[in-house]
Amino acid sequence: MTEQPIAVLGGGSFGTAIANLLAENGHRVQLWMRDPEQAEIIRSQRQNPRYLKGVTVAALVEPATDLEQVLERCELIFVALPSSALRQALQPFAQRLSGRMLVSTTKGIEAEGFMLMSQILEQIAPQARIGVLSGPNLAREIAEHALTATVVASADEGLCAQVQAVLHGRTFRVYASTDRFGVELGGALKNVYAIMAGMAAALGMGENTRSMLITRALAEMTRFAVRLGANPMTFLGLAGVGDLIVTCTSAKSRNFQVGHALGEGLSLEQAVSRLGEVAEGVNTIKVLKNKAEELQVYMPLVAGLHAILFEGCTLEQVIALLMRGEPKTDVDFLSTEGF
């Protein structure tokens, strides 16, 4: 395959899992991280104990700490940095990113101006080719070769084809989409509902209840995304309902874990520090509530979770309100004409 190395920015669990996939497909990978100590451990022990304990990091993955050098060497760059660090890390190298293929894998929203990660990349590097990767992709399962599918989304067909070529493998399947906005929005929005699902599980709520929450979450996030111009059909795919299901039902999901800890009675601070890595849903909830109010989109679950996290309500109160206040139509974000 390509002689040129591929860059993965971010040495967290997902960045490491993607780097391994690329390496297993025969590509040399530059895995950039800020912490020289972490890079040294990966180099010497072929392990990333802080984020993916017990998973061997492939020999073709080269840990790197000089970002400028990495960006100089690589045309294709996967960005797996937390939403809070992305702008700060890449802004100084804006010139260097011109013409490069940048694929965001981060499922978050920046509060200032309600910006998705690919929009931040576009702002930093207007001359770059931009795409996103999203779907039901738990990092540990990817690293352990569980069969997994994902979506690469971009208006740039060449970029989609390139990502499919390098990532597609025995256990990892890559589908393409042109709805970058919808795919990325699905990835960011579902994190919020996963927190609620984790709480419901910790409180011993029934399977019917959890199914209701997931289905109403899908209706709610799609209603919101369509209002912003996304294609509703995207939400019937891997990046919408697919990602929502796994994040809301899996104890491996970071946002589910935060919700579970909250359901056990921990404070938000305690829940987040117990996790030890970023759960994007916590940051997304405030941003989303403000945007929903501004656009006047009916989002009772988002309002409810905000009330639980920041206004002292309980999940029982929120569900009671939901039972009283939901509109009568089940699926209200699609026009029935043409069906």
C-alpha atoms as a PDB file:
ATOM      1  CA  MET A   1       0.000   0.000   0.000  1.00  0.00           C
ATOM      2  CA  THR A   2       1.109   3.619   0.393  1.00  0.00           C
ATOM      3  CA  GLU A   3       4.754   4.143   1.291  1.00  0.00           C
ATOM      4  CA  GLN A   4       4.000   7.377   3.091  1.00  0.00           C
ATOM      5  CA  PRO A   5       3.093   7.002   6.774  1.00  0.00           C
ATOM      6  CA  ILE A   6      -0.403   7.859   7.989  1.00  0.00           C
ATOM      7  CA  ALA A   7      -0.809  10.149  10.982  1.00  0.00           C
ATOM      8  CA  VAL A   8      -3.091   9.579  13.948  1.00  0.00           C
ATOM      9  CA  LEU A   9      -3.241  12.534  16.340  1.00  0.00           C
ATOM     10  CA  GLY A  10      -4.130  11.571  19.907  1.00  0.00           C
ATOM     11  CA  GLY A  11      -2.865   8.661  21.985  1.00  0.00           C
ATOM     12  CA  GLY A  12      -6.149   7.926  23.749  1.00  0.00           C
ATOM     13  CA  SER A  13      -8.080   4.676  23.400  1.00  0.00           C
ATOM     14  CA  PHE A  14      -9.635   5.458  20.013  1.00  0.00           C
ATOM     15  CA  GLY A  15      -6.487   6.942  18.473  1.00  0.00           C
ATOM     16  CA  THR A  16      -4.527   3.859  19.526  1.00  0.00           C
ATOM     17  CA  ALA A  17      -7.188   1.471  18.177  1.00  0.00           C
ATOM     18  CA  ILE A  18      -7.282   3.235  14.783  1.00  0.00           C
ATOM     19  CA  ALA A  19      -3.467   3.313  14.596  1.00  0.00           C
ATOM     20  CA  ASN A  20      -3.429  -0.445  15.189  1.00  0.00           C
ATOM     21  CA  LEU A  21      -6.026  -1.065  12.461  1.00  0.00           C
ATOM     22  CA  LEU A  22      -3.968   0.908   9.946  1.00  0.00           C
ATOM     23  CA  ALA A  23      -0.779  -0.912  10.969  1.00  0.00           C
ATOM     24  CA  GLU A  24      -2.458  -4.304  10.667  1.00  0.00           C
ATOM     25  CA  ASN A  25      -3.371  -3.339   7.090  1.00  0.00           C
ATOM     26  CA  GLY A  26       0.358  -2.827   6.421  1.00  0.00           C
ATOM     27  CA  HIS A  27       0.630   0.956   6.817  1.00  0.00           C
ATOM     28  CA  ARG A  28       3.303   2.755   8.792  1.00  0.00           C
ATOM     29  CA  VAL A  29       1.618   4.989  11.364  1.00  0.00           C
ATOM     30  CA  GLN A  30       2.842   8.065  13.191  1.00  0.00           C
ATOM     31  CA  LEU A  31       0.838   8.165  16.451  1.00  0.00           C
ATOM     32  CA  TRP A  32       1.255  11.654  17.881  1.00  0.00           C
ATOM     33  CA  MET A  33       0.726  12.370  21.577  1.00  0.00           C
ATOM     34  CA  ARG A  34       1.633  15.253  23.814  1.00  0.00           C
ATOM     35  CA  ASP A  35       3.097  13.209  26.653  1.00  0.00           C
ATOM     36  CA  PRO A  36       6.696  12.048  25.988  1.00  0.00           C
ATOM     37  CA  GLU A  37       6.435   9.594  28.885  1.00  0.00           C
ATOM     38  CA  GLN A  38       3.411   7.889  27.300  1.00  0.00           C
ATOM     39  CA  ALA A  39       5.230   7.759  23.941  1.00  0.00           C
ATOM     40  CA  GLU A  40       8.233   6.120  25.617  1.00  0.00           C
ATOM     41  CA  ILE A  41       6.074   3.455  27.293  1.00  0.00           C
ATOM     42  CA  ILE A  42       4.417   2.604  23.975  1.00  0.00           C
ATOM     43  CA  ARG A  43       7.807   2.526  22.238  1.00  0.00           C
ATOM     44  CA  SER A  44       9.469   0.267  24.802  1.00  0.00           C
ATOM     45  CA  GLN A  45       6.568  -1.915  25.996  1.00  0.00           C
ATOM     46  CA  ARG A  46       4.272  -1.859  22.896  1.00  0.00           C
ATOM     47  CA  GLN A  47       1.374  -1.131  25.284  1.00  0.00           C
ATOM     48  CA  ASN A  48      -0.793   1.918  26.070  1.00  0.00           C
ATOM     49  CA  PRO A  49      -1.626   1.020  29.673  1.00  0.00           C
ATOM     50  CA  ARG A  50      -3.387   4.286  30.517  1.00  0.00           C
ATOM     51  CA  TYR A  51      -6.043   3.876  27.809  1.00  0.00           C
ATOM     52  CA  LEU A  52      -5.994   0.371  26.316  1.00  0.00           C
ATOM     53  CA  LYS A  53      -4.527  -1.913  28.920  1.00  0.00           C
ATOM     54  CA  GLY A  54      -3.592  -5.375  27.669  1.00  0.00           C
ATOM     55  CA  VAL A  55      -3.740  -4.497  23.953  1.00  0.00           C
ATOM     56  CA  THR A  56      -0.458  -4.858  22.036  1.00  0.00           C
ATOM     57  CA  VAL A  57       0.422  -1.803  19.956  1.00  0.00           C
ATOM     58  CA  ALA A  58       1.475  -3.007  16.486  1.00  0.00           C
ATOM     59  CA  ALA A  59       5.106  -2.765  15.411  1.00  0.00           C
ATOM     60  CA  LEU A  60       4.299  -0.404  12.500  1.00  0.00           C
ATOM     61  CA  VAL A  61       2.890   2.176  14.944  1.00  0.00           C
ATOM     62  CA  GLU A  62       5.574   4.730  15.765  1.00  0.00           C
ATOM     63  CA  PRO A  63       4.795   6.966  18.784  1.00  0.00           C
ATOM     64  CA  ALA A  64       5.759  10.587  18.044  1.00  0.00           C
ATOM     65  CA  THR A  65       5.808  13.807  20.052  1.00  0.00           C
ATOM     66  CA  ASP A  66       6.898  16.331  17.396  1.00  0.00           C
ATOM     67  CA  LEU A  67       3.627  17.398  15.766  1.00  0.00           C
ATOM     68  CA  GLU A  68       5.199  19.557  13.073  1.00  0.00           C
ATOM     69  CA  GLN A  69       7.364  16.688  11.897  1.00  0.00           C
ATOM     70  CA  VAL A  70       4.377  14.307  11.816  1.00  0.00           C
ATOM     71  CA  LEU A  71       2.279  16.735   9.761  1.00  0.00           C
ATOM     72  CA  GLU A  72       5.177  17.284   7.361  1.00  0.00           C
ATOM     73  CA  ARG A  73       5.514  13.545   6.655  1.00  0.00           C
ATOM     74  CA  CYS A  74       1.843  12.591   6.299  1.00  0.00           C
ATOM     75  CA  GLU A  75      -0.849  13.417   3.747  1.00  0.00           C
ATOM     76  CA  LEU A  76      -3.643  11.502   5.487  1.00  0.00           C
ATOM     77  CA  ILE A  77      -4.260  12.539   9.089  1.00  0.00           C
ATOM     78  CA  PHE A  78      -6.789  11.071  11.524  1.00  0.00           C
ATOM     79  CA  VAL A  79      -7.606  13.545  14.301  1.00  0.00           C
ATOM     80  CA  ALA A  80      -8.519  11.780  17.552  1.00  0.00           C
ATOM     81  CA  LEU A  81      -7.948  14.617  20.017  1.00  0.00           C
ATOM     82  CA  PRO A  82     -10.514  15.612  22.677  1.00  0.00           C
ATOM     83  CA  SER A  83     -12.737  18.475  21.492  1.00  0.00           C
ATOM     84  CA  SER A  84     -11.240  20.778  24.132  1.00  0.00           C
ATOM     85  CA  ALA A  85      -7.671  20.264  22.815  1.00  0.00           C
ATOM     86  CA  LEU A  86      -8.177  20.151  19.053  1.00  0.00           C
ATOM     87  CA  ARG A  87      -8.055  23.841  18.140  1.00  0.00           C
ATOM     88  CA  GLN A  88      -5.182  24.633  20.479  1.00  0.00           C
ATOM     89  CA  ALA A  89      -3.042  21.755  19.185  1.00  0.00           C
ATOM     90  CA  LEU A  90      -3.547  22.367  15.454  1.00  0.00           C
ATOM     91  CA  GLN A  91      -3.877  26.153  15.131  1.00  0.00           C
ATOM     92  CA  PRO A  92      -0.089  26.786  15.206  1.00  0.00           C
ATOM     93  CA  PHE A  93       0.375  24.442  12.211  1.00  0.00           C
ATOM     94  CA  ALA A  94      -2.410  25.828  10.021  1.00  0.00           C
ATOM     95  CA  GLN A  95      -0.076  26.441   7.039  1.00  0.00           C
ATOM     96  CA  ARG A  96       1.259  22.912   7.228  1.00  0.00           C
ATOM     97  CA  LEU A  97      -2.271  21.443   6.892  1.00  0.00           C
ATOM     98  CA  SER A  98      -3.000  22.949   3.501  1.00  0.00           C
ATOM     99  CA  GLY A  99      -3.978  20.264   0.977  1.00  0.00           C
ATOM    100  CA  ARG A 100      -3.796  17.497   3.603  1.00  0.00           C
ATOM    101  CA  MET A 101      -6.634  15.028   4.182  1.00  0.00           C
ATOM    102  CA  LEU A 102      -7.951  15.587   7.709  1.00  0.00           C
ATOM    103  CA  VAL A 103     -10.394  13.051   9.115  1.00  0.00           C
ATOM    104  CA  SER A 104     -11.971  13.936  12.445  1.00  0.00           C
ATOM    105  CA  THR A 105     -12.942  11.063  14.747  1.00  0.00           C
ATOM    106  CA  THR A 106     -13.890  13.252  17.730  1.00  0.00           C
ATOM    107  CA  LYS A 107     -17.556  13.225  18.728  1.00  0.00           C
ATOM    108  CA  GLY A 108     -17.981  16.609  20.358  1.00  0.00           C
ATOM    109  CA  ILE A 109     -19.194  20.169  19.854  1.00  0.00           C
ATOM    110  CA  GLU A 110     -17.296  23.347  20.682  1.00  0.00           C
ATOM    111  CA  ALA A 111     -19.401  25.717  22.755  1.00  0.00           C
ATOM    112  CA  GLU A 112     -18.268  28.889  20.994  1.00  0.00           C
ATOM    113  CA  GLY A 113     -20.551  29.172  17.981  1.00  0.00           C
ATOM    114  CA  PHE A 114     -21.794  25.561  18.212  1.00  0.00           C
ATOM    115  CA  MET A 115     -19.000  24.175  16.037  1.00  0.00           C
ATOM    116  CA  LEU A 116     -18.471  20.534  15.140  1.00  0.00           C
ATOM    117  CA  MET A 117     -14.899  19.269  14.990  1.00  0.00           C
ATOM    118  CA  SER A 118     -14.727  19.187  11.175  1.00  0.00           C
ATOM    119  CA  GLN A 119     -15.917  22.800  11.103  1.00  0.00           C
ATOM    120  CA  ILE A 120     -13.079  23.753  13.456  1.00  0.00           C
ATOM    121  CA  LEU A 121     -10.632  21.930  11.157  1.00  0.00           C
ATOM    122  CA  GLU A 122     -12.110  23.832   8.202  1.00  0.00           C
ATOM    123  CA  GLN A 123     -11.674  27.109  10.028  1.00  0.00           C
ATOM    124  CA  ILE A 124      -8.052  26.374  10.947  1.00  0.00           C
ATOM    125  CA  ALA A 125      -7.139  24.938   7.528  1.00  0.00           C
ATOM    126  CA  PRO A 126      -9.500  26.169   4.802  1.00  0.00           C
ATOM    127  CA  GLN A 127      -7.263  24.600   2.141  1.00  0.00           C
ATOM    128  CA  ALA A 128      -7.402  21.093   3.668  1.00  0.00           C
ATOM    129  CA  ARG A 129      -9.601  18.186   2.502  1.00  0.00           C
ATOM    130  CA  ILE A 130     -11.975  17.327   5.332  1.00  0.00           C
ATOM    131  CA  GLY A 131     -13.945  14.272   6.399  1.00  0.00           C
ATOM    132  CA  VAL A 132     -15.324  12.631   9.524  1.00  0.00           C
ATOM    133  CA  LEU A 133     -15.363   9.085  10.853  1.00  0.00           C
ATOM    134  CA  SER A 134     -18.271   8.043  13.048  1.00  0.00           C
ATOM    135  CA  GLY A 135     -20.343   5.028  14.025  1.00  0.00           C
ATOM    136  CA  PRO A 136     -20.776   2.367  16.729  1.00  0.00           C
ATOM    137  CA  ASN A 137     -17.035   2.164  17.374  1.00  0.00           C
ATOM    138  CA  LEU A 138     -16.060   1.252  20.943  1.00  0.00           C
ATOM    139  CA  ALA A 139     -12.269   1.506  20.994  1.00  0.00           C
ATOM    140  CA  ARG A 140     -11.538  -1.610  23.019  1.00  0.00           C
ATOM    141  CA  GLU A 141     -13.688  -3.801  20.785  1.00  0.00           C
ATOM    142  CA  ILE A 142     -11.972  -2.428  17.681  1.00  0.00           C
ATOM    143  CA  ALA A 143      -8.604  -3.153  19.281  1.00  0.00           C
ATOM    144  CA  GLU A 144      -9.734  -6.687  20.148  1.00  0.00           C
ATOM    145  CA  HIS A 145     -10.947  -7.332  16.573  1.00  0.00           C
ATOM    146  CA  ALA A 146     -14.676  -7.538  17.236  1.00  0.00           C
ATOM    147  CA  LEU A 147     -16.500  -7.121  13.910  1.00  0.00           C
ATOM    148  CA  THR A 148     -17.132  -3.393  13.544  1.00  0.00           C
ATOM    149  CA  ALA A 149     -18.515  -1.010  10.918  1.00  0.00           C
ATOM    150  CA  THR A 150     -18.067   2.720  10.609  1.00  0.00           C
ATOM    151  CA  VAL A 151     -18.979   5.589   8.289  1.00  0.00           C
ATOM    152  CA  VAL A 152     -16.564   7.972   6.603  1.00  0.00           C
ATOM    153  CA  ALA A 153     -18.402  11.097   5.497  1.00  0.00           C
ATOM    154  CA  SER A 154     -17.227  13.860   3.196  1.00  0.00           C
ATOM    155  CA  ALA A 155     -18.287  15.686   0.051  1.00  0.00           C
ATOM    156  CA  ASP A 156     -14.789  14.739  -1.179  1.00  0.00           C
ATOM    157  CA  GLU A 157     -15.195  11.321  -2.822  1.00  0.00           C
ATOM    158  CA  GLY A 158     -11.456  10.854  -3.177  1.00  0.00           C
ATOM    159  CA  LEU A 159     -10.993  11.278   0.556  1.00  0.00           C
ATOM    160  CA  CYS A 160     -13.741   8.736   1.306  1.00  0.00           C
ATOM    161  CA  ALA A 161     -12.161   6.232  -1.090  1.00  0.00           C
ATOM    162  CA  GLN A 162      -8.727   6.733   0.477  1.00  0.00           C
ATOM    163  CA  VAL A 163     -10.038   6.205   4.028  1.00  0.00           C
ATOM    164  CA  GLN A 164     -11.912   3.087   2.902  1.00  0.00           C
ATOM    165  CA  ALA A 165      -8.753   1.769   1.234  1.00  0.00           C
ATOM    166  CA  VAL A 166      -6.532   2.134   4.314  1.00  0.00           C
ATOM    167  CA  LEU A 167      -8.997   1.196   7.083  1.00  0.00           C
ATOM    168  CA  HIS A 168     -11.131  -1.510   5.510  1.00  0.00           C
ATOM    169  CA  GLY A 169     -10.001  -4.877   6.825  1.00  0.00           C
ATOM    170  CA  ARG A 170     -10.941  -8.344   8.021  1.00  0.00           C
ATOM    171  CA  THR A 171     -12.832  -7.099  11.087  1.00  0.00           C
ATOM    172  CA  PHE A 172     -13.458  -3.443  10.232  1.00  0.00           C
ATOM    173  CA  ARG A 173     -15.865  -2.319   7.516  1.00  0.00           C
ATOM    174  CA  VAL A 174     -16.043   1.266   6.228  1.00  0.00           C
ATOM    175  CA  TYR A 175     -19.141   2.710   4.530  1.00  0.00           C
ATOM    176  CA  ALA A 176     -19.139   6.095   2.783  1.00  0.00           C
ATOM    177  CA  SER A 177     -21.602   8.983   3.090  1.00  0.00           C
ATOM    178  CA  THR A 178     -21.820  12.481   1.633  1.00  0.00           C
ATOM    179  CA  ASP A 179     -23.735  13.866   4.648  1.00  0.00           C
ATOM    180  CA  ARG A 180     -20.719  14.935   6.699  1.00  0.00           C
ATOM    181  CA  PHE A 181     -22.803  17.225   8.869  1.00  0.00           C
ATOM    182  CA  GLY A 182     -25.443  14.601   9.718  1.00  0.00           C
ATOM    183  CA  VAL A 183     -22.904  11.861  10.407  1.00  0.00           C
ATOM    184  CA  GLU A 184     -20.859  14.099  12.678  1.00  0.00           C
ATOM    185  CA  LEU A 185     -23.894  15.508  14.451  1.00  0.00           C
ATOM    186  CA  GLY A 186     -25.151  11.973  15.161  1.00  0.00           C
ATOM    187  CA  GLY A 187     -21.832  11.099  16.768  1.00  0.00           C
ATOM    188  CA  ALA A 188     -21.884  14.163  18.999  1.00  0.00           C
ATOM    189  CA  LEU A 189     -25.555  14.084  20.008  1.00  0.00           C
ATOM    190  CA  LYS A 190     -25.784  10.446  21.035  1.00  0.00           C
ATOM    191  CA  ASN A 191     -23.250  10.949  23.851  1.00  0.00           C
ATOM    192  CA  VAL A 192     -25.796  12.986  25.783  1.00  0.00           C
ATOM    193  CA  TYR A 193     -28.414  10.229  25.693  1.00  0.00           C
ATOM    194  CA  ALA A 194     -25.847   7.607  26.694  1.00  0.00           C
ATOM    195  CA  ILE A 195     -25.402   9.420  30.022  1.00  0.00           C
ATOM    196  CA  MET A 196     -29.125   9.131  30.627  1.00  0.00           C
ATOM    197  CA  ALA A 197     -29.140   5.442  29.628  1.00  0.00           C
ATOM    198  CA  GLY A 198     -26.317   4.772  32.087  1.00  0.00           C
ATOM    199  CA  MET A 199     -28.311   6.427  34.859  1.00  0.00           C
ATOM    200  CA  ALA A 200     -31.409   4.384  33.990  1.00  0.00           C
ATOM    201  CA  ALA A 201     -29.351   1.178  34.152  1.00  0.00           C
ATOM    202  CA  ALA A 202     -27.824   2.087  37.520  1.00  0.00           C
ATOM    203  CA  LEU A 203     -31.274   2.858  38.915  1.00  0.00           C
ATOM    204  CA  GLY A 204     -32.534  -0.548  37.793  1.00  0.00           C
ATOM    205  CA  MET A 205     -35.114   0.791  35.368  1.00  0.00           C
ATOM    206  CA  GLY A 206     -36.693  -1.819  33.071  1.00  0.00           C
ATOM    207  CA  GLU A 207     -35.706  -2.783  29.537  1.00  0.00           C
ATOM    208  CA  ASN A 208     -38.937  -1.215  28.235  1.00  0.00           C
ATOM    209  CA  THR A 209     -37.923   2.068  29.837  1.00  0.00           C
ATOM    210  CA  ARG A 210     -34.466   1.937  28.337  1.00  0.00           C
ATOM    211  CA  SER A 211     -35.870   1.123  24.908  1.00  0.00           C
ATOM    212  CA  MET A 212     -38.286   4.031  25.211  1.00  0.00           C
ATOM    213  CA  LEU A 213     -35.451   6.392  26.148  1.00  0.00           C
ATOM    214  CA  ILE A 214     -33.289   5.249  23.208  1.00  0.00           C
ATOM    215  CA  THR A 215     -36.135   5.525  20.692  1.00  0.00           C
ATOM    216  CA  ARG A 216     -37.269   8.933  21.915  1.00  0.00           C
ATOM    217  CA  ALA A 217     -33.614  10.001  21.887  1.00  0.00           C
ATOM    218  CA  LEU A 218     -33.389   9.021  18.224  1.00  0.00           C
ATOM    219  CA  ALA A 219     -36.531  11.006  17.406  1.00  0.00           C
ATOM    220  CA  GLU A 220     -35.231  13.982  19.364  1.00  0.00           C
ATOM    221  CA  MET A 221     -31.689  14.082  17.952  1.00  0.00           C
ATOM    222  CA  THR A 222     -32.996  13.627  14.401  1.00  0.00           C
ATOM    223  CA  ARG A 223     -35.574  16.394  14.852  1.00  0.00           C
ATOM    224  CA  PHE A 224     -32.748  18.671  15.968  1.00  0.00           C
ATOM    225  CA  ALA A 225     -30.339  17.661  13.188  1.00  0.00           C
ATOM    226  CA  VAL A 226     -32.974  18.060  10.450  1.00  0.00           C
ATOM    227  CA  ARG A 227     -33.695  21.556  11.771  1.00  0.00           C
ATOM    228  CA  LEU A 228     -29.986  22.291  11.205  1.00  0.00           C
ATOM    229  CA  GLY A 229     -30.058  20.890   7.664  1.00  0.00           C
ATOM    230  CA  ALA A 230     -28.896  17.278   8.060  1.00  0.00           C
ATOM    231  CA  ASN A 231     -30.457  14.432   6.071  1.00  0.00           C
ATOM    232  CA  PRO A 232     -32.891  12.457   8.292  1.00  0.00           C
ATOM    233  CA  MET A 233     -31.964   9.198   6.528  1.00  0.00           C
ATOM    234  CA  THR A 234     -28.425   9.470   7.937  1.00  0.00           C
ATOM    235  CA  PHE A 235     -29.912   8.823  11.374  1.00  0.00           C
ATOM    236  CA  LEU A 236     -31.289   5.453  10.282  1.00  0.00           C
ATOM    237  CA  GLY A 237     -27.716   4.338   9.596  1.00  0.00           C
ATOM    238  CA  LEU A 238     -24.593   3.438  11.548  1.00  0.00           C
ATOM    239  CA  ALA A 239     -23.748   6.992  12.582  1.00  0.00           C
ATOM    240  CA  GLY A 240     -27.259   7.585  13.942  1.00  0.00           C
ATOM    241  CA  VAL A 241     -29.231   4.691  15.391  1.00  0.00           C
ATOM    242  CA  GLY A 242     -26.195   2.364  15.205  1.00  0.00           C
ATOM    243  CA  ASP A 243     -24.022   4.546  17.385  1.00  0.00           C
ATOM    244  CA  LEU A 244     -26.935   5.450  19.666  1.00  0.00           C
ATOM    245  CA  ILE A 245     -27.690   1.782  20.421  1.00  0.00           C
ATOM    246  CA  VAL A 246     -24.142   0.828  21.345  1.00  0.00           C
ATOM    247  CA  THR A 247     -23.496   3.942  23.420  1.00  0.00           C
ATOM    248  CA  CYS A 248     -26.771   3.598  25.313  1.00  0.00           C
ATOM    249  CA  THR A 249     -26.477  -0.128  26.048  1.00  0.00           C
ATOM    250  CA  SER A 250     -22.785  -0.795  26.569  1.00  0.00           C
ATOM    251  CA  ALA A 251     -20.965  -0.589  29.886  1.00  0.00           C
ATOM    252  CA  LYS A 252     -17.816   0.032  27.794  1.00  0.00           C
ATOM    253  CA  SER A 253     -19.177   3.372  26.605  1.00  0.00           C
ATOM    254  CA  ARG A 254     -17.535   6.270  28.464  1.00  0.00           C
ATOM    255  CA  ASN A 255     -20.691   8.362  28.541  1.00  0.00           C
ATOM    256  CA  PHE A 256     -22.743   5.381  29.774  1.00  0.00           C
ATOM    257  CA  GLN A 257     -20.156   4.898  32.550  1.00  0.00           C
ATOM    258  CA  VAL A 258     -20.484   8.524  33.640  1.00  0.00           C
ATOM    259  CA  GLY A 259     -24.273   8.166  33.707  1.00  0.00           C
ATOM    260  CA  HIS A 260     -24.008   4.912  35.651  1.00  0.00           C
ATOM    261  CA  ALA A 261     -21.811   6.586  38.265  1.00  0.00           C
ATOM    262  CA  LEU A 262     -24.318   9.445  38.555  1.00  0.00           C
ATOM    263  CA  GLY A 263     -27.109   6.877  39.001  1.00  0.00           C
ATOM    264  CA  GLU A 264     -25.097   5.333  41.842  1.00  0.00           C
ATOM    265  CA  GLY A 265     -25.154   8.720  43.553  1.00  0.00           C
ATOM    266  CA  LEU A 266     -21.743  10.141  42.646  1.00  0.00           C
ATOM    267  CA  SER A 267     -21.428  13.827  41.785  1.00  0.00           C
ATOM    268  CA  LEU A 268     -20.604  14.851  38.223  1.00  0.00           C
ATOM    269  CA  GLU A 269     -17.014  15.681  39.243  1.00  0.00           C
ATOM    270  CA  GLN A 270     -16.591  12.287  40.927  1.00  0.00           C
ATOM    271  CA  ALA A 271     -18.123  10.465  37.969  1.00  0.00           C
ATOM    272  CA  VAL A 272     -15.809  12.170  35.486  1.00  0.00           C
ATOM    273  CA  SER A 273     -12.674  11.679  37.592  1.00  0.00           C
ATOM    274  CA  ARG A 274     -13.498   8.004  38.163  1.00  0.00           C
ATOM    275  CA  LEU A 275     -13.584   7.542  34.388  1.00  0.00           C
ATOM    276  CA  GLY A 276     -10.117   9.028  33.940  1.00  0.00           C
ATOM    277  CA  GLU A 277     -10.676  10.152  30.328  1.00  0.00           C
ATOM    278  CA  VAL A 278     -12.934  12.541  28.454  1.00  0.00           C
ATOM    279  CA  ALA A 279     -16.664  11.794  28.200  1.00  0.00           C
ATOM    280  CA  GLU A 280     -17.703  14.258  25.485  1.00  0.00           C
ATOM    281  CA  GLY A 281     -21.388  14.109  26.430  1.00  0.00           C
ATOM    282  CA  VAL A 282     -20.819  16.142  29.578  1.00  0.00           C
ATOM    283  CA  ASN A 283     -19.511  19.096  27.539  1.00  0.00           C
ATOM    284  CA  THR A 284     -22.116  18.635  24.820  1.00  0.00           C
ATOM    285  CA  ILE A 285     -25.185  18.819  27.079  1.00  0.00           C
ATOM    286  CA  LYS A 286     -24.913  22.547  27.928  1.00  0.00           C
ATOM    287  CA  VAL A 287     -24.152  23.504  24.338  1.00  0.00           C
ATOM    288  CA  LEU A 288     -27.034  21.429  23.056  1.00  0.00           C
ATOM    289  CA  LYS A 289     -29.579  22.777  25.527  1.00  0.00           C
ATOM    290  CA  ASN A 290     -28.729  26.368  24.586  1.00  0.00           C
ATOM    291  CA  LYS A 291     -28.896  25.622  20.871  1.00  0.00           C
ATOM    292  CA  ALA A 292     -32.221  23.765  21.178  1.00  0.00           C
ATOM    293  CA  GLU A 293     -33.713  26.754  23.008  1.00  0.00           C
ATOM    294  CA  GLU A 294     -32.325  29.179  20.455  1.00  0.00           C
ATOM    295  CA  LEU A 295     -33.773  27.151  17.547  1.00  0.00           C
ATOM    296  CA  GLN A 296     -36.941  26.314  19.488  1.00  0.00           C
ATOM    297  CA  VAL A 297     -36.564  22.579  18.880  1.00  0.00           C
ATOM    298  CA  TYR A 298     -38.527  20.416  21.320  1.00  0.00           C
ATOM    299  CA  MET A 299     -35.896  18.328  23.181  1.00  0.00           C
ATOM    300  CA  PRO A 300     -37.371  17.119  26.475  1.00  0.00           C
ATOM    301  CA  LEU A 301     -34.596  14.573  27.130  1.00  0.00           C
ATOM    302  CA  VAL A 302     -31.845  17.141  26.662  1.00  0.00           C
ATOM    303  CA  ALA A 303     -33.667  19.629  28.882  1.00  0.00           C
ATOM    304  CA  GLY A 304     -34.250  16.834  31.395  1.00  0.00           C
ATOM    305  CA  LEU A 305     -30.631  15.696  31.517  1.00  0.00           C
ATOM    306  CA  HIS A 306     -29.507  19.293  31.910  1.00  0.00           C
ATOM    307  CA  ALA A 307     -31.935  19.606  34.826  1.00  0.00           C
ATOM    308  CA  ILE A 308     -30.460  16.455  36.414  1.00  0.00           C
ATOM    309  CA  LEU A 309     -26.821  17.466  35.985  1.00  0.00           C
ATOM    310  CA  PHE A 310     -27.024  21.170  36.711  1.00  0.00           C
ATOM    311  CA  GLU A 311     -30.397  21.974  38.296  1.00  0.00           C
ATOM    312  CA  GLY A 312     -30.809  19.287  40.944  1.00  0.00           C
ATOM    313  CA  CYS A 313     -33.638  17.217  39.370  1.00  0.00           C
ATOM    314  CA  THR A 314     -33.858  13.402  39.496  1.00  0.00           C
ATOM    315  CA  LEU A 315     -34.198  11.000  36.561  1.00  0.00           C
ATOM    316  CA  GLU A 316     -37.579   9.831  37.929  1.00  0.00           C
ATOM    317  CA  GLN A 317     -38.887  13.403  37.739  1.00  0.00           C
ATOM    318  CA  VAL A 318     -37.657  13.767  34.169  1.00  0.00           C
ATOM    319  CA  ILE A 319     -39.278  10.511  33.028  1.00  0.00           C
ATOM    320  CA  ALA A 320     -42.526  11.496  34.751  1.00  0.00           C
ATOM    321  CA  LEU A 321     -42.480  14.764  32.771  1.00  0.00           C
ATOM    322  CA  LEU A 322     -41.735  12.863  29.578  1.00  0.00           C
ATOM    323  CA  MET A 323     -44.723  10.580  30.166  1.00  0.00           C
ATOM    324  CA  ARG A 324     -46.964  13.624  30.571  1.00  0.00           C
ATOM    325  CA  GLY A 325     -45.567  15.932  27.920  1.00  0.00           C
ATOM    326  CA  GLU A 326     -44.562  14.000  24.797  1.00  0.00           C
ATOM    327  CA  PRO A 327     -46.333  14.923  21.547  1.00  0.00           C
ATOM    328  CA  LYS A 328     -48.693  12.366  20.067  1.00  0.00           C
ATOM    329  CA  THR A 329     -46.817  11.481  16.864  1.00  0.00           C
ATOM    330  CA  ASP A 330     -44.104   8.841  17.081  1.00  0.00           C
ATOM    331  CA  VAL A 331     -41.830   9.831  14.208  1.00  0.00           C
ATOM    332  CA  ASP A 332     -42.217  13.538  13.605  1.00  0.00           C
ATOM    333  CA  PHE A 333     -39.075  14.500  11.720  1.00  0.00           C
ATOM    334  CA  LEU A 334     -39.993  12.970   8.346  1.00  0.00           C
ATOM    335  CA  SER A 335     -42.664  14.186   6.003  1.00  0.00           C
ATOM    336  CA  THR A 336     -45.092  11.314   5.281  1.00  0.00           C
ATOM    337  CA  GLU A 337     -45.468  12.426   1.684  1.00  0.00           C
ATOM    338  CA  GLY A 338     -43.881   9.963  -0.697  1.00  0.00           C
ATOM    339  CA  PHE A 339     -44.155   7.069   1.768  1.00  0.00           C
END
